Amino acid sequence: MNGTDTNDRRLYVGNLPYSLRTPDLRQMFSSFGTVEDAVVMMEPGRPDRSKGFGFVTMSSAAEAETAASTMNGKEIEGRVIVCNIAKPRE
C-alpha cells in the first residue's frame, strides 16, 4: 500500500450507539490526529436513525493504526465498539 491510498487510512467503526452522529464520531477520533473525513451511516429515508456504524479517514496510516488499536473494544455509551482498518471497497 502506498501513502496516497486512503485504504490504509480509512477506519470502519461499528457497534456505535444509535444516538451517535457524524460530528460526535469526528470528535472521538480527533485526538489521534487530523480527521480528513468522518461519517455515521444513516438508515435510508430515516435521517434520525443511525445504522450503528461509520467510517473515519485519518490523515496518515500511522494515525489510523493508533486510532484503531486504541478505540477497538472501547465502551461508548454502554456499547463495545469495533474499530479496524476498513476493507477496500469492491
C-alpha atoms as a PDB file:
ATOM      1  CA  MET A   1       0.000   0.000   0.000  1.00  0.00           C
ATOM      2  CA  ASN A   2       1.284   3.439  -0.781  1.00  0.00           C
ATOM      3  CA  GLY A   3       0.835   6.538   1.341  1.00  0.00           C
ATOM      4  CA  THR A   4      -1.518   8.264  -1.083  1.00  0.00           C
ATOM      5  CA  ASP A   5      -4.050   5.449  -0.938  1.00  0.00           C
ATOM      6  CA  THR A   6      -6.890   6.051   1.523  1.00  0.00           C
ATOM      7  CA  ASN A   7      -7.309   2.306   2.159  1.00  0.00           C
ATOM      8  CA  ASP A   8      -4.614   2.311   4.844  1.00  0.00           C
ATOM      9  CA  ARG A   9      -6.066   5.449   6.484  1.00  0.00           C
ATOM     10  CA  ARG A  10      -9.777   4.609   6.430  1.00  0.00           C
ATOM     11  CA  LEU A  11     -11.312   3.092   9.542  1.00  0.00           C
ATOM     12  CA  TYR A  12     -14.501   1.108   9.936  1.00  0.00           C
ATOM     13  CA  VAL A  13     -16.197   1.872  13.258  1.00  0.00           C
ATOM     14  CA  GLY A  14     -19.012  -0.488  14.209  1.00  0.00           C
ATOM     15  CA  ASN A  15     -21.455  -1.176  17.036  1.00  0.00           C
ATOM     16  CA  LEU A  16     -21.856   2.559  17.611  1.00  0.00           C
ATOM     17  CA  PRO A  17     -24.640   3.855  19.848  1.00  0.00           C
ATOM     18  CA  TYR A  18     -27.620   4.772  17.654  1.00  0.00           C
ATOM     19  CA  SER A  19     -27.590   8.261  19.191  1.00  0.00           C
ATOM     20  CA  LEU A  20     -24.085   8.984  17.829  1.00  0.00           C
ATOM     21  CA  ARG A  21     -23.843  11.391  14.877  1.00  0.00           C
ATOM     22  CA  THR A  22     -21.092  12.374  12.430  1.00  0.00           C
ATOM     23  CA  PRO A  23     -19.790  15.346  14.492  1.00  0.00           C
ATOM     24  CA  ASP A  24     -19.528  13.038  17.547  1.00  0.00           C
ATOM     25  CA  LEU A  25     -17.563  10.470  15.529  1.00  0.00           C
ATOM     26  CA  ARG A  26     -15.203  13.142  14.203  1.00  0.00           C
ATOM     27  CA  GLN A  27     -14.642  14.436  17.761  1.00  0.00           C
ATOM     28  CA  MET A  28     -13.966  10.905  19.091  1.00  0.00           C
ATOM     29  CA  PHE A  29     -11.101  10.424  16.625  1.00  0.00           C
ATOM     30  CA  SER A  30      -9.652  13.962  16.570  1.00  0.00           C
ATOM     31  CA  SER A  31      -7.310  13.204  19.471  1.00  0.00           C
ATOM     32  CA  PHE A  32      -5.440  10.719  17.242  1.00  0.00           C
ATOM     33  CA  GLY A  33      -4.572  13.301  14.582  1.00  0.00           C
ATOM     34  CA  THR A  34      -6.219  15.006  11.643  1.00  0.00           C
ATOM     35  CA  VAL A  35      -9.611  13.565  10.720  1.00  0.00           C
ATOM     36  CA  GLU A  36      -9.962  14.120   6.977  1.00  0.00           C
ATOM     37  CA  ASP A  37     -13.456  12.647   6.819  1.00  0.00           C
ATOM     38  CA  ALA A  38     -15.966  11.069   9.169  1.00  0.00           C
ATOM     39  CA  VAL A  39     -19.479   9.798   8.560  1.00  0.00           C
ATOM     40  CA  VAL A  40     -22.049   7.869  10.575  1.00  0.00           C
ATOM     41  CA  MET A  41     -24.172   5.848   8.163  1.00  0.00           C
ATOM     42  CA  MET A  42     -27.883   6.617   8.450  1.00  0.00           C
ATOM     43  CA  GLU A  43     -30.915   4.493   7.530  1.00  0.00           C
ATOM     44  CA  PRO A  44     -32.254   5.422   4.074  1.00  0.00           C
ATOM     45  CA  GLY A  45     -35.270   7.685   4.439  1.00  0.00           C
ATOM     46  CA  ARG A  46     -34.745   7.870   8.221  1.00  0.00           C
ATOM     47  CA  PRO A  47     -32.339  10.762   8.900  1.00  0.00           C
ATOM     48  CA  ASP A  48     -32.983  10.310  12.635  1.00  0.00           C
ATOM     49  CA  ARG A  49     -31.865   6.647  12.675  1.00  0.00           C
ATOM     50  CA  SER A  50     -28.219   5.595  12.598  1.00  0.00           C
ATOM     51  CA  LYS A  51     -27.230   2.202  11.179  1.00  0.00           C
ATOM     52  CA  GLY A  52     -24.793   1.879  14.099  1.00  0.00           C
ATOM     53  CA  PHE A  53     -21.590   2.113  12.084  1.00  0.00           C
ATOM     54  CA  GLY A  54     -19.479   4.645  10.282  1.00  0.00           C
ATOM     55  CA  PHE A  55     -16.157   5.436   8.673  1.00  0.00           C
ATOM     56  CA  VAL A  56     -13.302   7.744   9.624  1.00  0.00           C
ATOM     57  CA  THR A  57     -10.420   8.718   7.351  1.00  0.00           C
ATOM     58  CA  MET A  58      -7.286   9.871   9.142  1.00  0.00           C
ATOM     59  CA  SER A  59      -4.510  11.933   7.516  1.00  0.00           C
ATOM     60  CA  SER A  60      -1.903   9.175   7.854  1.00  0.00           C
ATOM     61  CA  ALA A  61      -1.690   5.410   8.137  1.00  0.00           C
ATOM     62  CA  ALA A  62       0.128   5.782  11.468  1.00  0.00           C
ATOM     63  CA  GLU A  63      -2.737   7.857  12.908  1.00  0.00           C
ATOM     64  CA  ALA A  64      -5.251   5.318  11.623  1.00  0.00           C
ATOM     65  CA  GLU A  65      -3.334   2.412  13.191  1.00  0.00           C
ATOM     66  CA  THR A  66      -3.092   4.204  16.543  1.00  0.00           C
ATOM     67  CA  ALA A  67      -6.777   5.137  16.479  1.00  0.00           C
ATOM     68  CA  ALA A  68      -7.843   1.598  15.552  1.00  0.00           C
ATOM     69  CA  SER A  69      -5.747  -0.081  18.228  1.00  0.00           C
ATOM     70  CA  THR A  70      -6.884   2.397  20.891  1.00  0.00           C
ATOM     71  CA  MET A  71     -10.589   2.552  20.010  1.00  0.00           C
ATOM     72  CA  ASN A  72     -11.253  -1.117  19.188  1.00  0.00           C
ATOM     73  CA  GLY A  73     -13.045  -2.660  22.170  1.00  0.00           C
ATOM     74  CA  LYS A  74     -13.658   0.703  23.845  1.00  0.00           C
ATOM     75  CA  GLU A  75     -17.030   1.157  25.518  1.00  0.00           C
ATOM     76  CA  ILE A  76     -19.079   4.114  24.286  1.00  0.00           C
ATOM     77  CA  GLU A  77     -22.482   4.716  25.919  1.00  0.00           C
ATOM     78  CA  GLY A  78     -22.656   1.076  27.012  1.00  0.00           C
ATOM     79  CA  ARG A  79     -21.681  -0.395  23.636  1.00  0.00           C
ATOM     80  CA  VAL A  80     -18.312  -2.009  22.930  1.00  0.00           C
ATOM     81  CA  ILE A  81     -17.267  -0.615  19.572  1.00  0.00           C
ATOM     82  CA  VAL A  82     -15.348  -2.359  16.811  1.00  0.00           C
ATOM     83  CA  CYS A  83     -12.680  -0.298  15.080  1.00  0.00           C
ATOM     84  CA  ASN A  84     -10.298  -1.512  12.403  1.00  0.00           C
ATOM     85  CA  ILE A  85      -8.768  -0.564   9.080  1.00  0.00           C
ATOM     86  CA  ALA A  86     -11.636  -0.655   6.577  1.00  0.00           C
ATOM     87  CA  LYS A  87     -11.552  -3.268   3.848  1.00  0.00           C
ATOM     88  CA  PRO A  88     -11.145  -1.763   0.360  1.00  0.00           C
ATOM     89  CA  ARG A  89     -14.388  -1.029  -1.480  1.00  0.00           C
ATOM     90  CA  GLU A  90     -15.191  -3.642  -4.098  1.00  0.00           C
END
